[in-house]
Protein backbone atom coordinates (compact mmCIF):
# COMPACT_ATOMS: atom_id res chain seq x y z
CA MET A 1 39.94 -2.65 -19.44
CA PHE A 2 42.56 -4.53 -17.48
CA ALA A 3 41.46 -7.17 -14.99
CA VAL A 4 44.47 -7.11 -12.70
CA THR A 5 42.79 -5.94 -9.50
CA THR A 6 45.90 -6.14 -7.33
CA VAL A 7 48.02 -3.81 -9.47
CA PRO A 8 49.72 -1.15 -7.26
CA ALA A 9 48.30 2.29 -7.83
CA ALA A 10 51.62 3.61 -9.15
CA LEU A 11 51.45 1.40 -12.23
CA PRO A 12 49.64 3.07 -15.17
CA LEU A 13 46.43 1.43 -16.43
CA HIS A 14 45.59 3.36 -19.61
CA PRO A 15 45.96 1.27 -22.82
CA SER A 16 48.43 3.76 -24.29
CA SER A 17 50.53 3.73 -21.11
CA GLY A 18 53.63 1.79 -20.22
CA TRP A 19 51.57 -0.95 -18.52
CA GLY A 20 49.68 -1.56 -21.75
CA LEU A 21 52.95 -1.77 -23.65
CA LEU A 22 54.44 -4.14 -21.08
CA ARG A 23 51.46 -6.46 -21.53
CA ARG A 24 52.28 -6.67 -25.22
CA SER A 25 55.84 -7.83 -24.45
CA ALA A 26 55.01 -10.33 -21.77
CA ASP A 27 58.18 -12.42 -22.35
CA SER A 28 60.61 -9.57 -21.50
CA PRO A 29 62.69 -10.11 -18.33
CA LEU A 30 61.41 -6.86 -16.83
CA ASN A 31 57.81 -7.84 -17.39
CA ARG A 32 58.33 -11.33 -15.88
CA LEU A 33 59.95 -9.68 -12.85
CA LEU A 34 57.04 -7.23 -12.44
CA LEU A 35 54.42 -9.94 -12.78
CA ASN A 36 56.25 -12.13 -10.27
CA LEU A 37 56.49 -9.20 -7.85
CA ILE A 38 52.79 -8.38 -8.29
CA GLY A 39 51.87 -12.00 -7.56
CA LYS A 40 53.91 -12.00 -4.33
CA ILE A 41 52.36 -8.67 -3.21
CA ALA A 42 48.88 -10.04 -3.89
CA THR A 43 49.59 -13.23 -1.95
CA LYS A 44 50.96 -11.32 1.06
CA THR A 45 48.08 -8.82 0.97
CA ALA A 46 45.47 -11.57 0.90
CA ALA A 47 47.21 -13.36 3.77
CA ALA A 48 47.50 -10.18 5.82
CA GLU A 49 43.89 -9.03 5.39
CA PRO A 50 41.63 -10.42 8.11
CA SER A 51 38.64 -12.39 6.96
CA PRO A 52 35.33 -10.51 7.23
CA PRO A 53 33.46 -11.11 10.47
CA ARG A 54 30.74 -13.71 10.35
CA PRO A 55 27.24 -12.33 10.54
CA PRO A 56 25.44 -13.07 13.79
CA PRO A 57 23.04 -16.00 13.66
CA PRO A 58 19.46 -14.92 12.86
CA ARG A 59 17.32 -14.36 15.90
CA GLU A 60 14.52 -16.80 16.43
CA TYR A 61 11.22 -15.35 15.21
CA GLN A 62 8.95 -14.21 17.99
CA SER A 63 5.30 -13.73 17.13
CA PRO A 64 3.70 -10.51 18.41
CA GLY A 65 0.76 -12.63 19.56
CA PRO A 66 -2.69 -13.46 18.18
CA PHE A 67 -4.04 -9.90 18.44
CA PHE A 68 -1.07 -7.87 17.20
CA VAL A 69 0.77 -7.44 13.89
CA GLU A 70 4.28 -6.81 12.55
CA TYR A 71 4.18 -3.05 12.49
CA PRO A 72 5.96 -0.61 12.46
CA TYR A 73 8.18 -2.28 9.85
CA LYS A 74 9.75 -1.24 6.56
CA TYR A 75 7.60 -2.84 3.86
CA ASN A 76 8.56 -2.32 0.21
CA MET A 77 6.52 -2.06 -2.98
CA VAL A 78 6.72 -5.01 -5.36
CA ILE A 79 4.52 -3.27 -7.95
CA ASN A 80 4.21 0.48 -7.85
CA GLU A 81 2.59 3.40 -9.67
CA ALA A 82 4.93 6.05 -8.33
CA ASN A 83 4.21 8.72 -10.96
CA ARG A 84 0.50 8.38 -11.62
CA CYS A 85 -0.70 10.90 -9.02
CA GLU A 86 1.88 13.41 -10.17
CA GLU A 87 0.68 12.98 -13.75
CA GLU A 88 -3.10 12.97 -13.10
CA LYS A 89 -3.17 15.35 -10.10
CA PRO A 90 -6.28 13.76 -8.57
CA TYR A 91 -8.70 15.59 -6.32
CA LEU A 92 -9.85 12.21 -4.97
CA VAL A 93 -7.87 8.98 -4.73
CA LEU A 94 -9.80 5.72 -4.32
CA VAL A 95 -7.77 2.90 -2.75
CA VAL A 96 -9.30 -0.59 -2.77
CA PRO A 97 -7.58 -3.22 -0.59
CA VAL A 98 -8.11 -6.50 -2.42
CA ALA A 99 -6.70 -10.01 -2.40
CA PRO A 100 -4.07 -10.62 -5.13
CA GLN A 101 -6.05 -13.50 -6.62
CA ASN A 102 -9.31 -11.50 -6.82
CA LYS A 103 -8.94 -10.36 -10.42
CA VAL A 104 -12.69 -10.73 -11.00
CA GLY A 105 -13.43 -8.24 -8.21
CA ARG A 106 -10.94 -5.74 -9.61
CA GLN A 107 -12.41 -6.00 -13.09
CA LEU A 108 -15.95 -5.50 -11.80
CA ILE A 109 -14.90 -2.27 -10.08
CA ARG A 110 -13.06 -1.04 -13.19
CA ASN A 111 -16.23 -1.62 -15.22
CA SER A 112 -18.58 0.00 -12.69
CA TRP A 113 -18.02 2.70 -10.08
CA GLY A 114 -14.24 2.76 -10.58
CA GLU A 115 -14.51 3.61 -14.27
CA PRO A 116 -15.00 7.42 -14.25
CA LYS A 117 -11.76 9.41 -14.37
CA VAL A 118 -13.25 12.92 -14.27
CA LEU A 119 -16.51 13.87 -12.56
CA SER A 120 -17.75 17.41 -11.91
CA ASP A 121 -14.39 18.71 -13.21
CA LYS A 122 -12.61 16.69 -10.47
CA ASN A 123 -9.97 14.09 -11.27
CA VAL A 124 -10.62 10.72 -9.61
CA THR A 125 -7.83 8.12 -9.57
CA LEU A 126 -8.31 4.45 -8.65
CA PHE A 127 -5.72 2.10 -7.17
CA PHE A 128 -5.91 -1.50 -5.98
CA LEU A 129 -3.71 -2.32 -2.98
CA LEU A 130 -2.40 -5.90 -2.75
CA GLY A 131 -0.05 -7.89 -0.59
CA LEU A 132 1.61 -11.21 -1.39
CA GLY A 133 -0.70 -14.16 -1.80
CA LYS A 134 -2.25 -16.73 -4.09
CA ALA A 135 -1.63 -15.12 -7.45
CA VAL A 136 0.85 -15.66 -10.25
CA GLU A 137 3.18 -12.67 -10.15
CA LYS A 138 3.61 -12.70 -13.92
CA GLU A 139 -0.15 -12.34 -14.38
CA LEU A 140 -0.25 -9.47 -11.87
CA LEU A 141 2.53 -7.71 -13.75
CA GLU A 142 0.61 -8.10 -17.00
CA GLU A 143 -2.55 -6.75 -15.35
CA SER A 144 -0.56 -3.84 -13.93
CA GLU A 145 0.91 -3.11 -17.35
CA GLN A 146 -2.56 -3.13 -18.91
CA TYR A 147 -4.40 -0.96 -16.37
CA GLY A 148 -1.75 0.92 -14.39
CA ASP A 149 -3.79 0.78 -11.18
CA ILE A 150 -2.08 -1.91 -9.05
CA ILE A 151 0.20 -1.26 -6.09
CA GLN A 152 1.56 -4.28 -4.21
CA GLY A 153 3.51 -4.44 -0.96
CA ASP A 154 5.76 -7.28 0.22
CA PHE A 155 3.61 -8.25 3.23
CA VAL A 156 1.48 -11.39 3.45
CA ASP A 157 -2.05 -10.57 2.28
CA CYS A 158 -4.40 -12.05 4.89
CA TYR A 159 -7.19 -10.95 7.21
CA LYS A 160 -4.95 -10.53 10.23
CA ASN A 161 -2.64 -8.20 8.30
CA LEU A 162 -5.35 -5.67 7.40
CA THR A 163 -3.76 -3.13 9.75
CA ILE A 164 -0.44 -3.55 7.93
CA LYS A 165 -2.25 -3.12 4.63
CA THR A 166 -3.94 0.05 5.85
CA MET A 167 -0.75 1.58 7.24
CA VAL A 168 1.15 0.74 4.03
CA MET A 169 -1.65 2.52 2.16
CA LEU A 170 -1.24 5.64 4.30
CA GLU A 171 2.54 5.57 3.89
CA TRP A 172 2.12 5.16 0.13
CA LEU A 173 -0.34 8.04 -0.11
CA ASP A 174 2.05 10.26 1.84
CA ALA A 175 4.95 9.29 -0.43
CA TYR A 176 3.26 9.36 -3.84
CA CYS A 177 -0.13 11.14 -3.61
CA ARG A 178 0.29 13.77 -0.93
CA ASP A 179 -1.07 16.55 -3.15
CA ALA A 180 -4.47 14.87 -3.53
CA THR A 181 -7.19 16.63 -1.56
CA TYR A 182 -8.96 13.47 -0.40
CA ALA A 183 -8.33 9.72 -0.33
CA MET A 184 -10.92 7.04 0.30
CA LYS A 185 -10.31 3.47 1.39
CA ILE A 186 -13.14 1.19 0.32
CA ASP A 187 -13.45 -2.59 0.36
CA SER A 188 -13.68 -4.52 -2.89
CA ASP A 189 -17.16 -5.91 -2.13
CA MET A 190 -18.77 -2.48 -1.68
CA PHE A 191 -21.01 -0.32 -3.84
CA LEU A 192 -19.81 3.28 -4.22
CA ASN A 193 -21.72 6.29 -5.49
CA VAL A 194 -18.81 8.50 -6.59
CA PRO A 195 -20.90 11.55 -7.67
CA LYS A 196 -22.62 11.57 -4.24
CA LEU A 197 -19.23 11.26 -2.55
CA LEU A 198 -17.87 14.26 -4.47
CA GLU A 199 -20.99 16.21 -3.52
CA MET A 200 -20.38 15.45 0.16
CA LEU A 201 -16.71 16.43 -0.06
CA GLN A 202 -17.72 19.96 -1.03
CA HIS A 203 -18.86 20.34 2.59
CA THR A 204 -16.03 18.41 4.26
CA PRO A 205 -12.87 19.79 5.92
CA THR A 206 -9.72 19.39 3.84
CA THR A 207 -7.37 18.85 6.80
CA ASN A 208 -7.36 16.49 9.82
CA CYS A 209 -10.54 14.81 8.64
CA LEU A 210 -11.43 11.12 8.87
CA THR A 211 -15.07 10.47 8.11
CA GLY A 212 -17.50 7.79 7.03
CA LEU A 213 -19.49 5.39 9.18
CA VAL A 214 -18.32 6.57 12.60
CA GLU A 215 -18.66 3.81 15.22
CA ARG A 216 -17.90 4.99 18.74
CA ALA A 217 -18.86 1.80 20.58
CA ALA A 218 -15.73 -0.09 21.60
CA HIS A 219 -16.49 -3.68 20.55
CA THR A 220 -12.84 -4.57 21.21
CA ARG A 221 -13.39 -3.96 24.91
CA ARG A 222 -16.43 -6.24 25.15
CA THR A 223 -15.39 -9.71 26.17
CA CYS A 224 -18.46 -11.22 24.47
CA SER A 225 -17.62 -9.62 21.09
CA GLU A 226 -15.98 -11.59 18.30
CA TRP A 227 -13.59 -8.62 17.96
CA ALA A 228 -12.65 -8.56 21.64
CA VAL A 229 -8.95 -7.91 22.26
CA PRO A 230 -7.68 -8.77 25.75
CA GLY A 231 -5.83 -6.00 27.55
CA LEU A 232 -7.60 -3.06 25.93
CA ALA A 233 -8.82 -1.57 29.17
CA PRO A 234 -8.83 2.24 29.03
CA LYS A 235 -5.78 3.88 30.54
CA ALA A 236 -4.58 7.40 31.18
CA GLY A 237 -3.18 9.10 28.12
CA GLY A 238 -5.42 7.21 25.70
CA GLY A 239 -4.34 4.35 23.51
CA GLY A 240 -5.35 1.33 25.52
CA VAL A 241 -2.61 -0.90 24.11
CA PRO A 242 0.96 -1.42 25.24
CA GLU A 243 3.51 0.89 23.60
CA LYS A 244 4.58 -0.29 20.12
CA LYS A 245 1.80 -2.88 19.99
CA VAL A 246 -0.44 -2.68 16.93
CA ILE A 247 -3.74 -4.56 16.92
CA TYR A 248 -4.99 -6.38 13.85
CA ILE A 249 -8.40 -4.63 13.63
CA GLU A 250 -7.47 -1.79 11.30
CA ASP A 251 -10.35 0.63 11.81
CA VAL A 252 -10.03 0.37 15.59
CA TYR A 253 -6.28 0.93 15.39
CA LEU A 254 -6.77 4.05 13.24
CA GLY A 255 -9.26 5.35 15.79
CA MET A 256 -6.72 4.76 18.56
CA CYS A 257 -4.05 6.61 16.57
CA MET A 258 -6.38 9.57 16.17
CA GLN A 259 -7.12 9.50 19.88
CA ARG A 260 -3.40 9.55 20.59
CA LEU A 261 -3.06 12.60 18.32
CA GLY A 262 -5.97 14.36 20.00
CA LEU A 263 -8.19 14.15 16.90
CA GLN A 264 -11.81 13.09 16.59
CA PRO A 265 -13.53 11.40 13.64
CA THR A 266 -15.63 13.83 11.60
CA GLU A 267 -19.30 13.01 11.38
CA PRO A 268 -20.47 13.10 7.74
CA PRO A 269 -23.04 15.76 6.82
CA ASP A 270 -25.56 12.96 6.26
CA PRO A 271 -24.80 9.90 8.42
CA GLY A 272 -27.57 8.04 6.60
CA ALA A 273 -25.43 8.07 3.47
CA PHE A 274 -23.18 5.40 5.01
CA PRO A 275 -25.44 2.42 5.80
CA LEU A 276 -23.53 -0.61 6.99
CA LEU A 277 -25.78 -3.12 5.22
CA GLY A 278 -27.12 -2.48 1.76
CA PRO A 279 -30.91 -2.08 1.60
CA LYS A 280 -32.96 -3.73 -1.11
CA PHE A 281 -31.94 -2.16 -4.40
CA ASP A 282 -33.93 0.82 -5.53
CA ARG A 283 -32.44 3.36 -7.92
CA CYS A 284 -33.72 6.38 -6.02
CA ARG A 285 -32.79 4.98 -2.61
CA TYR A 286 -29.26 4.24 -3.76
CA SER A 287 -28.89 7.73 -5.24
CA THR A 288 -28.78 9.00 -1.62
CA ILE A 289 -26.17 6.45 -0.50
CA ILE A 290 -22.41 6.87 -0.81
CA PRO A 291 -20.96 3.44 0.08
CA THR A 292 -22.69 0.31 1.26
CA ALA A 293 -22.44 -3.45 0.98
CA TYR A 294 -24.14 -4.94 -2.05
CA PRO A 295 -27.47 -6.65 -1.28
CA GLU A 296 -27.20 -10.43 -1.08
CA ASN A 297 -27.77 -12.56 -4.16
CA ILE A 298 -27.68 -9.70 -6.65
CA ASP A 299 -25.90 -9.43 -9.97
CA LYS A 300 -23.58 -6.51 -9.26
CA MET A 301 -23.03 -5.46 -12.86
CA GLU A 302 -26.75 -5.65 -13.59
CA MET A 303 -27.43 -3.53 -10.49
CA TRP A 304 -24.83 -1.00 -11.65
CA ARG A 305 -26.39 -0.77 -15.11
CA SER A 306 -29.83 -0.31 -13.56
CA PHE A 307 -28.50 2.35 -11.21
CA ASN A 308 -27.13 4.33 -14.17
CA THR A 309 -30.15 3.88 -16.44
CA PRO A 310 -32.04 7.17 -16.86
CA GLY A 311 -35.42 7.10 -15.17
CA PRO A 312 -37.99 9.25 -13.38
CA SER A 313 -36.62 12.02 -11.19
CA CYS A 314 -35.79 10.98 -7.63
CA GLU A 315 -36.10 14.49 -6.17
CA ASN A 316 -39.46 13.77 -4.51
CA GLU A 317 -38.48 10.30 -3.33
CA THR A 318 -37.68 9.69 0.33
């Protein structure tokens, strides 16, 4: 209540105390003497206290190089859904890395394969993972308020930072969704057959499992490849990169982390369920696929409606 910050501790501060009464009789000789004394003590204290040390000048930024990224690093969440997994207790968490400005892509997923919340008595929870980029933050906050499915980190959202985005996703899952049985990372331009995915997960290990389209050929070691990374020659102990260096190709980096931990990717029960390129759309053919890229020049919402339209049984189709 009193704003005299340099008052000695022995002086009472409560309004009903002597100090409060003295303030009401400010013209008394005793009060003028006390105030004068307090002013002198404050002046001497300020003069005696050393000034705080100046912070060191910021170090000049040093880029990790064209093939490496700023990780490990403490990235923070700008938009978060910290309680949703605790509330919904999902069996499966779907995380879609997407550019902040790609609202159309997010809406298409919400209206198609990302719409179901419960399938085969299993809770499925969808999140979109964003970094910082070309989007109005106010609009993102409004979208987050409306749908409750956006998580955004304070890293720059760009192609080279996909490894950062992936590692932030894993850190976030560990912090906020660690009780989920499975989590799937899937790109925003992909088709996903969630019922087929849940069917596969019934025959998939629940620990130390990373599965999907398993690619064992090391394109990063081929000098003619567009993904070639200099200096990735194999070396004893695994890894293939200098200590504390993190390459920008996220799936390769995850594979290297698993190698370092002595783990192997798990082949899916049906490798054909993970085609890299989407075949020509056919309802029965796509009923056997889990994720794939959409065929070129196709209306994605129209394809989704056709996929879900009841039709002849596909049991005898190949």
